[in-house]
């Protein structure tokens, strides 16, 4: 007796997955892993990619005197996307909890930052708090969505992960400093040092296809911060938000540091729902940079025999 299909998208996704796998099998193993890694990353950031696409599309085609404000349309789209991801089970209710929590913390920070003039939202909207349209919370939530989905899609494990209480204290310090540095000392440099010390020994282990790969947690965060910086440039280029004082310009590379700190808040928020799991291998749990360099030289073939 055939087991009934319970996943709404299974009849469409399974044939697509089989076609992708059969196509990739024609490629050399290293190239196949690289392409599949890109596809899985795109699948992980589905929510954020959809929002970026809508920001670009509405900027290009939105009528000047449309009866529905562009920001309110983006909010409606975000709600529809969230509902569809839950209905299709592309996202779980546990993952939605992460998005909701980060949505709230992000919106609170947005309200404060626009109040002190760090950036502005130049277009009108009906659904807003202060000068912040409500769809912006989903932009923060999409970062949490990406982290939660990537952990699941890549079966991520984390070796030598810090104590939970230490990461909570660090995240709280980062969040508080985003507010207080406007009035007292900016402790960002000290926070960067603390973050580097806390996560220096932590490695991310992830599976693309048959191989298990690894990289330092700090390197993974730096690379992700770079792509978030690119996304921020898309946001300013499409006039979704703007920095006051002059027309469009490339966002300062220093903003990558701010995104890196926000990523720590995001990851700690995700860890409240999905506690980081250690690798199954005892060798991987205690490995460090020497082990990582050996893996790089061997093409990341794991596990490596001592």
C-alpha atoms as a PDB file:
ATOM      1  CA  UNK A   1       0.000   0.000   0.000  1.00  0.00           C
ATOM      2  CA  UNK A   2       1.375   3.411  -1.000  1.00  0.00           C
ATOM      3  CA  UNK A   3       1.920   5.884   1.826  1.00  0.00           C
ATOM      4  CA  UNK A   4      -0.148   9.039   1.202  1.00  0.00           C
ATOM      5  CA  UNK A   5       1.759  12.221   0.418  1.00  0.00           C
ATOM      6  CA  UNK A   6       1.256  14.707   3.242  1.00  0.00           C
ATOM      7  CA  UNK A   7       3.581  17.492   2.059  1.00  0.00           C
ATOM      8  CA  UNK A   8       1.564  19.865  -0.201  1.00  0.00           C
ATOM      9  CA  UNK A   9       4.548  20.529  -2.490  1.00  0.00           C
ATOM     10  CA  UNK A  10       5.899  16.973  -2.529  1.00  0.00           C
ATOM     11  CA  UNK A  11       4.382  16.072  -5.936  1.00  0.00           C
ATOM     12  CA  UNK A  12       6.274  19.029  -7.438  1.00  0.00           C
ATOM     13  CA  UNK A  13       9.451  19.148  -5.363  1.00  0.00           C
ATOM     14  CA  UNK A  14      10.401  15.481  -5.546  1.00  0.00           C
ATOM     15  CA  UNK A  15      10.576  15.342  -9.384  1.00  0.00           C
ATOM     16  CA  UNK A  16      12.553  18.600  -9.352  1.00  0.00           C
ATOM     17  CA  UNK A  17      14.984  17.206  -6.782  1.00  0.00           C
ATOM     18  CA  UNK A  18      15.469  14.019  -8.807  1.00  0.00           C
ATOM     19  CA  UNK A  19      16.120  16.068 -11.972  1.00  0.00           C
ATOM     20  CA  UNK A  20      18.629  18.314 -10.167  1.00  0.00           C
ATOM     21  CA  UNK A  21      20.445  15.340  -8.677  1.00  0.00           C
ATOM     22  CA  UNK A  22      20.603  13.434 -11.995  1.00  0.00           C
ATOM     23  CA  UNK A  23      21.898  16.600 -13.717  1.00  0.00           C
ATOM     24  CA  UNK A  24      24.521  17.312 -11.071  1.00  0.00           C
ATOM     25  CA  UNK A  25      25.811  13.736 -11.202  1.00  0.00           C
ATOM     26  CA  UNK A  26      27.266  14.564 -14.615  1.00  0.00           C
ATOM     27  CA  UNK A  27      29.569  17.147 -13.029  1.00  0.00           C
ATOM     28  CA  UNK A  28      32.881  16.539 -11.239  1.00  0.00           C
ATOM     29  CA  UNK A  29      32.386  15.971  -7.517  1.00  0.00           C
ATOM     30  CA  UNK A  30      33.898  19.295  -6.365  1.00  0.00           C
ATOM     31  CA  UNK A  31      31.865  21.311  -8.872  1.00  0.00           C
ATOM     32  CA  UNK A  32      28.743  19.309  -7.987  1.00  0.00           C
ATOM     33  CA  UNK A  33      29.177  20.137  -4.295  1.00  0.00           C
ATOM     34  CA  UNK A  34      29.706  23.826  -5.094  1.00  0.00           C
ATOM     35  CA  UNK A  35      26.594  24.093  -7.269  1.00  0.00           C
ATOM     36  CA  UNK A  36      24.481  22.163  -4.783  1.00  0.00           C
ATOM     37  CA  UNK A  37      25.758  24.395  -1.982  1.00  0.00           C
ATOM     38  CA  UNK A  38      24.565  27.452  -3.921  1.00  0.00           C
ATOM     39  CA  UNK A  39      21.153  25.887  -4.547  1.00  0.00           C
ATOM     40  CA  UNK A  40      20.728  24.968  -0.875  1.00  0.00           C
ATOM     41  CA  UNK A  41      21.749  28.457   0.222  1.00  0.00           C
ATOM     42  CA  UNK A  42      19.191  29.960  -2.161  1.00  0.00           C
ATOM     43  CA  UNK A  43      16.558  27.577  -0.777  1.00  0.00           C
ATOM     44  CA  UNK A  44      17.485  28.591   2.777  1.00  0.00           C
ATOM     45  CA  UNK A  45      17.081  32.323   2.137  1.00  0.00           C
ATOM     46  CA  UNK A  46      13.772  31.905   0.293  1.00  0.00           C
ATOM     47  CA  UNK A  47      11.929  34.409   2.515  1.00  0.00           C
ATOM     48  CA  UNK A  48      14.583  37.126   2.289  1.00  0.00           C
ATOM     49  CA  UNK A  49      15.107  36.610  -1.452  1.00  0.00           C
ATOM     50  CA  UNK A  50      11.372  36.959  -2.077  1.00  0.00           C
ATOM     51  CA  UNK A  51      11.285  40.220  -0.102  1.00  0.00           C
ATOM     52  CA  UNK A  52      14.304  41.611  -1.972  1.00  0.00           C
ATOM     53  CA  UNK A  53      12.690  40.706  -5.296  1.00  0.00           C
ATOM     54  CA  UNK A  54       9.496  42.515  -4.274  1.00  0.00           C
ATOM     55  CA  UNK A  55      11.460  45.591  -3.187  1.00  0.00           C
ATOM     56  CA  UNK A  56      13.166  45.762  -6.580  1.00  0.00           C
ATOM     57  CA  UNK A  57       9.996  45.040  -8.585  1.00  0.00           C
ATOM     58  CA  UNK A  58       7.822  47.557  -6.737  1.00  0.00           C
ATOM     59  CA  UNK A  59      10.512  50.216  -7.039  1.00  0.00           C
ATOM     60  CA  UNK A  60      10.545  49.755 -10.809  1.00  0.00           C
ATOM     61  CA  UNK A  61       6.825  49.517 -11.553  1.00  0.00           C
ATOM     62  CA  UNK A  62       4.856  50.949  -8.609  1.00  0.00           C
ATOM     63  CA  UNK A  63       2.512  53.774  -9.784  1.00  0.00           C
ATOM     64  CA  UNK A  64       3.166  57.118  -8.117  1.00  0.00           C
ATOM     65  CA  UNK A  65      -0.478  57.686  -7.156  1.00  0.00           C
ATOM     66  CA  UNK A  66      -1.518  54.081  -6.507  1.00  0.00           C
ATOM     67  CA  UNK A  67      -4.438  53.689  -4.052  1.00  0.00           C
ATOM     68  CA  UNK A  68      -2.316  51.244  -2.014  1.00  0.00           C
ATOM     69  CA  UNK A  69       0.979  52.486  -0.620  1.00  0.00           C
ATOM     70  CA  UNK A  70       4.056  50.525  -1.667  1.00  0.00           C
ATOM     71  CA  UNK A  71       5.101  49.836   1.941  1.00  0.00           C
ATOM     72  CA  UNK A  72       1.640  48.502   2.787  1.00  0.00           C
ATOM     73  CA  UNK A  73       1.748  46.269  -0.305  1.00  0.00           C
ATOM     74  CA  UNK A  74       5.106  44.894   0.878  1.00  0.00           C
ATOM     75  CA  UNK A  75       3.548  44.164   4.279  1.00  0.00           C
ATOM     76  CA  UNK A  76       0.655  42.326   2.618  1.00  0.00           C
ATOM     77  CA  UNK A  77       3.108  40.305   0.502  1.00  0.00           C
ATOM     78  CA  UNK A  78       5.202  39.427   3.567  1.00  0.00           C
ATOM     79  CA  UNK A  79       2.111  38.115   5.365  1.00  0.00           C
ATOM     80  CA  UNK A  80       1.109  36.063   2.306  1.00  0.00           C
ATOM     81  CA  UNK A  81       4.625  34.640   1.923  1.00  0.00           C
ATOM     82  CA  UNK A  82       4.713  33.702   5.602  1.00  0.00           C
ATOM     83  CA  UNK A  83       1.302  32.018   5.383  1.00  0.00           C
ATOM     84  CA  UNK A  84       2.313  30.099   2.242  1.00  0.00           C
ATOM     85  CA  UNK A  85       5.567  28.906   3.793  1.00  0.00           C
ATOM     86  CA  UNK A  86       3.674  27.583   6.793  1.00  0.00           C
ATOM     87  CA  UNK A  87       0.965  25.942   4.671  1.00  0.00           C
ATOM     88  CA  UNK A  88       3.507  24.276   2.389  1.00  0.00           C
ATOM     89  CA  UNK A  89       5.607  23.283   5.421  1.00  0.00           C
ATOM     90  CA  UNK A  90       8.643  24.985   3.969  1.00  0.00           C
ATOM     91  CA  UNK A  91       8.801  26.589   7.369  1.00  0.00           C
ATOM     92  CA  UNK A  92       7.775  25.098  10.690  1.00  0.00           C
ATOM     93  CA  UNK A  93       5.847  26.795  13.471  1.00  0.00           C
ATOM     94  CA  UNK A  94       9.000  26.644  15.595  1.00  0.00           C
ATOM     95  CA  UNK A  95      10.834  28.581  12.900  1.00  0.00           C
ATOM     96  CA  UNK A  96       7.967  31.078  12.804  1.00  0.00           C
ATOM     97  CA  UNK A  97       8.472  31.678  16.529  1.00  0.00           C
ATOM     98  CA  UNK A  98      12.031  32.751  15.748  1.00  0.00           C
ATOM     99  CA  UNK A  99      10.808  35.083  13.010  1.00  0.00           C
ATOM    100  CA  UNK A 100       8.185  36.619  15.301  1.00  0.00           C
ATOM    101  CA  UNK A 101      10.668  37.170  18.135  1.00  0.00           C
ATOM    102  CA  UNK A 102      13.263  38.738  15.851  1.00  0.00           C
ATOM    103  CA  UNK A 103      10.502  40.721  14.113  1.00  0.00           C
ATOM    104  CA  UNK A 104       9.639  42.387  17.430  1.00  0.00           C
ATOM    105  CA  UNK A 105      13.247  43.109  18.463  1.00  0.00           C
ATOM    106  CA  UNK A 106      14.047  44.439  14.981  1.00  0.00           C
ATOM    107  CA  UNK A 107      11.010  46.702  14.861  1.00  0.00           C
ATOM    108  CA  UNK A 108      11.807  48.190  18.282  1.00  0.00           C
ATOM    109  CA  UNK A 109      15.325  49.024  17.096  1.00  0.00           C
ATOM    110  CA  UNK A 110      13.988  50.461  13.819  1.00  0.00           C
ATOM    111  CA  UNK A 111      11.613  52.785  15.680  1.00  0.00           C
ATOM    112  CA  UNK A 112      14.477  54.066  17.814  1.00  0.00           C
ATOM    113  CA  UNK A 113      16.957  54.422  14.937  1.00  0.00           C
ATOM    114  CA  UNK A 114      14.531  56.398  12.780  1.00  0.00           C
ATOM    115  CA  UNK A 115      13.666  58.570  15.785  1.00  0.00           C
ATOM    116  CA  UNK A 116      17.316  59.583  16.243  1.00  0.00           C
ATOM    117  CA  UNK A 117      17.747  60.082  12.490  1.00  0.00           C
ATOM    118  CA  UNK A 118      20.067  57.183  11.639  1.00  0.00           C
ATOM    119  CA  UNK A 119      17.941  56.428   8.563  1.00  0.00           C
ATOM    120  CA  UNK A 120      14.477  57.194   7.238  1.00  0.00           C
ATOM    121  CA  UNK A 121      11.634  55.590   5.298  1.00  0.00           C
ATOM    122  CA  UNK A 122      10.791  58.252   2.716  1.00  0.00           C
ATOM    123  CA  UNK A 123       7.459  56.893   1.443  1.00  0.00           C
ATOM    124  CA  UNK A 124       4.014  57.063   3.119  1.00  0.00           C
ATOM    125  CA  UNK A 125       2.222  54.094   4.660  1.00  0.00           C
ATOM    126  CA  UNK A 126      -0.879  53.347   6.688  1.00  0.00           C
ATOM    127  CA  UNK A 127       0.505  50.475   8.735  1.00  0.00           C
ATOM    128  CA  UNK A 128       3.463  51.874  10.616  1.00  0.00           C
ATOM    129  CA  UNK A 129       4.785  52.574  14.090  1.00  0.00           C
ATOM    130  CA  UNK A 130       6.317  56.020  14.312  1.00  0.00           C
ATOM    131  CA  UNK A 131       8.120  56.419  11.017  1.00  0.00           C
ATOM    132  CA  UNK A 132       8.684  52.686  10.532  1.00  0.00           C
ATOM    133  CA  UNK A 133       6.443  50.714   8.136  1.00  0.00           C
ATOM    134  CA  UNK A 134       5.517  47.349   9.583  1.00  0.00           C
ATOM    135  CA  UNK A 135       6.923  45.309   6.704  1.00  0.00           C
ATOM    136  CA  UNK A 136      10.456  46.125   7.921  1.00  0.00           C
ATOM    137  CA  UNK A 137      10.082  43.687  10.802  1.00  0.00           C
ATOM    138  CA  UNK A 138       9.814  40.912   8.233  1.00  0.00           C
ATOM    139  CA  UNK A 139      13.165  41.989   6.770  1.00  0.00           C
ATOM    140  CA  UNK A 140      14.724  41.294  10.167  1.00  0.00           C
ATOM    141  CA  UNK A 141      12.630  38.154  10.516  1.00  0.00           C
ATOM    142  CA  UNK A 142      13.924  36.894   7.165  1.00  0.00           C
ATOM    143  CA  UNK A 143      17.450  36.811   8.654  1.00  0.00           C
ATOM    144  CA  UNK A 144      16.221  34.584  11.464  1.00  0.00           C
ATOM    145  CA  UNK A 145      14.328  32.509   8.903  1.00  0.00           C
ATOM    146  CA  UNK A 146      17.509  32.040   6.862  1.00  0.00           C
ATOM    147  CA  UNK A 147      19.533  30.898   9.867  1.00  0.00           C
ATOM    148  CA  UNK A 148      16.878  28.452  11.057  1.00  0.00           C
ATOM    149  CA  UNK A 149      16.329  27.007   7.564  1.00  0.00           C
ATOM    150  CA  UNK A 150      20.060  26.770   6.814  1.00  0.00           C
ATOM    151  CA  UNK A 151      20.643  24.829  10.040  1.00  0.00           C
ATOM    152  CA  UNK A 152      17.977  22.355   8.954  1.00  0.00           C
ATOM    153  CA  UNK A 153      18.851  22.188   5.238  1.00  0.00           C
ATOM    154  CA  UNK A 154      22.585  21.697   5.842  1.00  0.00           C
ATOM    155  CA  UNK A 155      22.172  19.618   9.037  1.00  0.00           C
ATOM    156  CA  UNK A 156      24.528  22.058  10.769  1.00  0.00           C
ATOM    157  CA  UNK A 157      26.473  21.078  13.872  1.00  0.00           C
ATOM    158  CA  UNK A 158      28.647  23.315  16.042  1.00  0.00           C
ATOM    159  CA  UNK A 159      31.816  22.241  17.803  1.00  0.00           C
ATOM    160  CA  UNK A 160      33.159  23.983  20.915  1.00  0.00           C
ATOM    161  CA  UNK A 161      30.050  26.169  21.059  1.00  0.00           C
ATOM    162  CA  UNK A 162      30.085  28.663  23.982  1.00  0.00           C
ATOM    163  CA  UNK A 163      27.918  28.305  27.058  1.00  0.00           C
ATOM    164  CA  UNK A 164      24.371  29.486  26.412  1.00  0.00           C
ATOM    165  CA  UNK A 165      24.439  32.103  29.188  1.00  0.00           C
ATOM    166  CA  UNK A 166      27.570  33.688  27.695  1.00  0.00           C
ATOM    167  CA  UNK A 167      25.932  34.046  24.268  1.00  0.00           C
ATOM    168  CA  UNK A 168      22.815  35.548  25.874  1.00  0.00           C
ATOM    169  CA  UNK A 169      24.914  38.142  27.697  1.00  0.00           C
ATOM    170  CA  UNK A 170      26.789  38.992  24.503  1.00  0.00           C
ATOM    171  CA  UNK A 171      23.568  39.362  22.496  1.00  0.00           C
ATOM    172  CA  UNK A 172      22.062  41.565  25.210  1.00  0.00           C
ATOM    173  CA  UNK A 173      25.177  43.775  25.255  1.00  0.00           C
ATOM    174  CA  UNK A 174      25.064  44.134  21.463  1.00  0.00           C
ATOM    175  CA  UNK A 175      21.371  45.027  21.464  1.00  0.00           C
ATOM    176  CA  UNK A 176      21.690  47.536  24.310  1.00  0.00           C
ATOM    177  CA  UNK A 177      24.724  49.180  22.688  1.00  0.00           C
ATOM    178  CA  UNK A 178      22.739  49.829  19.494  1.00  0.00           C
ATOM    179  CA  UNK A 179      20.628  52.183  21.634  1.00  0.00           C
ATOM    180  CA  UNK A 180      23.036  53.577  24.201  1.00  0.00           C
ATOM    181  CA  UNK A 181      25.918  54.512  21.892  1.00  0.00           C
ATOM    182  CA  UNK A 182      23.915  57.556  20.821  1.00  0.00           C
ATOM    183  CA  UNK A 183      24.163  58.951  24.352  1.00  0.00           C
ATOM    184  CA  UNK A 184      27.196  57.407  26.068  1.00  0.00           C
ATOM    185  CA  UNK A 185      30.311  55.530  25.001  1.00  0.00           C
ATOM    186  CA  UNK A 186      30.164  53.235  21.987  1.00  0.00           C
ATOM    187  CA  UNK A 187      31.369  49.882  23.263  1.00  0.00           C
ATOM    188  CA  UNK A 188      31.377  48.278  19.818  1.00  0.00           C
ATOM    189  CA  UNK A 189      35.130  47.657  19.754  1.00  0.00           C
ATOM    190  CA  UNK A 190      35.021  45.875  23.112  1.00  0.00           C
ATOM    191  CA  UNK A 191      31.993  43.874  21.952  1.00  0.00           C
ATOM    192  CA  UNK A 192      33.856  42.786  18.794  1.00  0.00           C
ATOM    193  CA  UNK A 193      36.759  41.618  20.948  1.00  0.00           C
ATOM    194  CA  UNK A 194      34.398  39.739  23.274  1.00  0.00           C
ATOM    195  CA  UNK A 195      32.608  38.098  20.326  1.00  0.00           C
ATOM    196  CA  UNK A 196      35.919  37.039  18.754  1.00  0.00           C
ATOM    197  CA  UNK A 197      37.118  35.566  22.048  1.00  0.00           C
ATOM    198  CA  UNK A 198      33.820  33.768  22.662  1.00  0.00           C
ATOM    199  CA  UNK A 199      33.460  32.197  19.204  1.00  0.00           C
ATOM    200  CA  UNK A 200      37.111  31.852  18.168  1.00  0.00           C
ATOM    201  CA  UNK A 201      37.210  28.086  18.796  1.00  0.00           C
ATOM    202  CA  UNK A 202      33.711  27.419  17.418  1.00  0.00           C
ATOM    203  CA  UNK A 203      33.400  25.628  14.084  1.00  0.00           C
ATOM    204  CA  UNK A 204      30.359  25.054  11.888  1.00  0.00           C
ATOM    205  CA  UNK A 205      29.989  21.556  10.416  1.00  0.00           C
ATOM    206  CA  UNK A 206      27.564  21.146   7.536  1.00  0.00           C
ATOM    207  CA  UNK A 207      26.672  18.559   4.909  1.00  0.00           C
ATOM    208  CA  UNK A 208      26.118  19.568   1.290  1.00  0.00           C
ATOM    209  CA  UNK A 209      25.721  16.129  -0.303  1.00  0.00           C
ATOM    210  CA  UNK A 210      27.999  13.254   0.616  1.00  0.00           C
ATOM    211  CA  UNK A 211      30.793  15.304   2.155  1.00  0.00           C
ATOM    212  CA  UNK A 212      30.796  17.035   5.505  1.00  0.00           C
ATOM    213  CA  UNK A 213      32.449  20.445   5.403  1.00  0.00           C
ATOM    214  CA  UNK A 214      33.552  22.794   8.144  1.00  0.00           C
ATOM    215  CA  UNK A 215      34.591  26.399   8.630  1.00  0.00           C
ATOM    216  CA  UNK A 216      35.197  28.708  11.584  1.00  0.00           C
ATOM    217  CA  UNK A 217      32.025  30.240  13.003  1.00  0.00           C
ATOM    218  CA  UNK A 218      33.532  33.729  12.747  1.00  0.00           C
ATOM    219  CA  UNK A 219      34.352  33.226   9.060  1.00  0.00           C
ATOM    220  CA  UNK A 220      30.811  32.022   8.340  1.00  0.00           C
ATOM    221  CA  UNK A 221      29.437  35.105  10.095  1.00  0.00           C
ATOM    222  CA  UNK A 222      31.739  37.425   8.139  1.00  0.00           C
ATOM    223  CA  UNK A 223      30.668  35.940   4.798  1.00  0.00           C
ATOM    224  CA  UNK A 224      26.995  36.191   5.740  1.00  0.00           C
ATOM    225  CA  UNK A 225      27.501  39.806   6.845  1.00  0.00           C
ATOM    226  CA  UNK A 226      28.902  40.613   3.401  1.00  0.00           C
ATOM    227  CA  UNK A 227      25.759  39.324   1.674  1.00  0.00           C
ATOM    228  CA  UNK A 228      23.558  41.232   4.125  1.00  0.00           C
ATOM    229  CA  UNK A 229      25.568  44.357   3.271  1.00  0.00           C
ATOM    230  CA  UNK A 230      24.802  43.720  -0.411  1.00  0.00           C
ATOM    231  CA  UNK A 231      21.110  43.353   0.467  1.00  0.00           C
ATOM    232  CA  UNK A 232      21.227  46.661   2.342  1.00  0.00           C
ATOM    233  CA  UNK A 233      22.610  48.331  -0.774  1.00  0.00           C
ATOM    234  CA  UNK A 234      19.650  46.932  -2.713  1.00  0.00           C
ATOM    235  CA  UNK A 235      17.351  48.449  -0.080  1.00  0.00           C
ATOM    236  CA  UNK A 236      18.881  51.912  -0.429  1.00  0.00           C
ATOM    237  CA  UNK A 237      19.134  51.653  -4.222  1.00  0.00           C
ATOM    238  CA  UNK A 238      15.396  50.945  -4.456  1.00  0.00           C
ATOM    239  CA  UNK A 239      14.682  53.843  -2.019  1.00  0.00           C
ATOM    240  CA  UNK A 240      12.993  51.448   0.373  1.00  0.00           C
ATOM    241  CA  UNK A 241      14.943  53.218   3.098  1.00  0.00           C
ATOM    242  CA  UNK A 242      17.519  55.981   2.908  1.00  0.00           C
ATOM    243  CA  UNK A 243      20.323  57.530   4.896  1.00  0.00           C
ATOM    244  CA  UNK A 244      19.634  61.263   5.317  1.00  0.00           C
ATOM    245  CA  UNK A 245      21.897  64.002   4.002  1.00  0.00           C
ATOM    246  CA  UNK A 246      22.488  63.060   0.367  1.00  0.00           C
ATOM    247  CA  UNK A 247      21.283  60.938  -2.503  1.00  0.00           C
ATOM    248  CA  UNK A 248      22.036  57.280  -3.047  1.00  0.00           C
ATOM    249  CA  UNK A 249      25.553  56.125  -2.335  1.00  0.00           C
ATOM    250  CA  UNK A 250      27.201  52.824  -1.614  1.00  0.00           C
ATOM    251  CA  UNK A 251      26.623  51.847   1.999  1.00  0.00           C
ATOM    252  CA  UNK A 252      29.842  52.031   3.999  1.00  0.00           C
ATOM    253  CA  UNK A 253      31.689  48.739   4.287  1.00  0.00           C
ATOM    254  CA  UNK A 254      31.846  49.433   8.031  1.00  0.00           C
ATOM    255  CA  UNK A 255      28.146  48.537   8.112  1.00  0.00           C
ATOM    256  CA  UNK A 256      29.260  44.923   7.696  1.00  0.00           C
ATOM    257  CA  UNK A 257      30.390  45.122  11.308  1.00  0.00           C
ATOM    258  CA  UNK A 258      26.921  46.166  12.426  1.00  0.00           C
ATOM    259  CA  UNK A 259      25.409  43.309  10.410  1.00  0.00           C
ATOM    260  CA  UNK A 260      27.877  40.911  11.998  1.00  0.00           C
ATOM    261  CA  UNK A 261      26.701  41.955  15.447  1.00  0.00           C
ATOM    262  CA  UNK A 262      23.066  41.679  14.376  1.00  0.00           C
ATOM    263  CA  UNK A 263      23.798  38.175  13.114  1.00  0.00           C
ATOM    264  CA  UNK A 264      24.979  37.201  16.584  1.00  0.00           C
ATOM    265  CA  UNK A 265      21.662  38.446  17.986  1.00  0.00           C
ATOM    266  CA  UNK A 266      19.869  36.485  15.248  1.00  0.00           C
ATOM    267  CA  UNK A 267      21.775  33.291  15.939  1.00  0.00           C
ATOM    268  CA  UNK A 268      21.285  33.531  19.696  1.00  0.00           C
ATOM    269  CA  UNK A 269      17.561  34.119  19.085  1.00  0.00           C
ATOM    270  CA  UNK A 270      17.413  31.019  16.875  1.00  0.00           C
ATOM    271  CA  UNK A 271      19.296  29.021  19.512  1.00  0.00           C
ATOM    272  CA  UNK A 272      16.464  29.654  21.974  1.00  0.00           C
ATOM    273  CA  UNK A 273      14.262  27.451  19.776  1.00  0.00           C
ATOM    274  CA  UNK A 274      16.919  25.275  18.106  1.00  0.00           C
ATOM    275  CA  UNK A 275      19.825  24.681  20.528  1.00  0.00           C
ATOM    276  CA  UNK A 276      23.111  24.154  18.605  1.00  0.00           C
ATOM    277  CA  UNK A 277      23.929  20.458  18.260  1.00  0.00           C
ATOM    278  CA  UNK A 278      27.503  19.142  18.461  1.00  0.00           C
ATOM    279  CA  UNK A 279      29.017  16.956  15.708  1.00  0.00           C
ATOM    280  CA  UNK A 280      28.588  13.215  16.071  1.00  0.00           C
ATOM    281  CA  UNK A 281      32.318  12.622  15.784  1.00  0.00           C
ATOM    282  CA  UNK A 282      34.312  13.031  18.997  1.00  0.00           C
ATOM    283  CA  UNK A 283      37.262  14.206  16.895  1.00  0.00           C
ATOM    284  CA  UNK A 284      35.169  16.958  15.315  1.00  0.00           C
ATOM    285  CA  UNK A 285      33.798  18.119  18.674  1.00  0.00           C
ATOM    286  CA  UNK A 286      37.240  19.082  19.926  1.00  0.00           C
ATOM    287  CA  UNK A 287      38.945  19.982  16.628  1.00  0.00           C
ATOM    288  CA  UNK A 288      40.525  23.362  16.008  1.00  0.00           C
ATOM    289  CA  UNK A 289      42.178  25.369  13.257  1.00  0.00           C
ATOM    290  CA  UNK A 290      44.948  22.818  12.642  1.00  0.00           C
ATOM    291  CA  UNK A 291      42.328  20.160  11.914  1.00  0.00           C
ATOM    292  CA  UNK A 292      40.452  22.594   9.653  1.00  0.00           C
ATOM    293  CA  UNK A 293      43.552  23.355   7.562  1.00  0.00           C
ATOM    294  CA  UNK A 294      44.192  19.624   7.162  1.00  0.00           C
ATOM    295  CA  UNK A 295      40.623  19.231   5.915  1.00  0.00           C
ATOM    296  CA  UNK A 296      41.120  22.063   3.417  1.00  0.00           C
ATOM    297  CA  UNK A 297      44.245  20.425   2.057  1.00  0.00           C
ATOM    298  CA  UNK A 298      42.359  17.138   1.649  1.00  0.00           C
ATOM    299  CA  UNK A 299      39.362  18.783  -0.032  1.00  0.00           C
ATOM    300  CA  UNK A 300      37.221  18.698   3.130  1.00  0.00           C
ATOM    301  CA  UNK A 301      36.871  14.925   3.039  1.00  0.00           C
ATOM    302  CA  UNK A 302      35.595  14.007   6.476  1.00  0.00           C
ATOM    303  CA  UNK A 303      36.120  12.389   8.892  1.00  0.00           C
ATOM    304  CA  UNK A 304      39.883  12.770   8.902  1.00  0.00           C
ATOM    305  CA  UNK A 305      41.785   9.939  10.533  1.00  0.00           C
ATOM    306  CA  UNK A 306      44.280  11.022  13.183  1.00  0.00           C
END
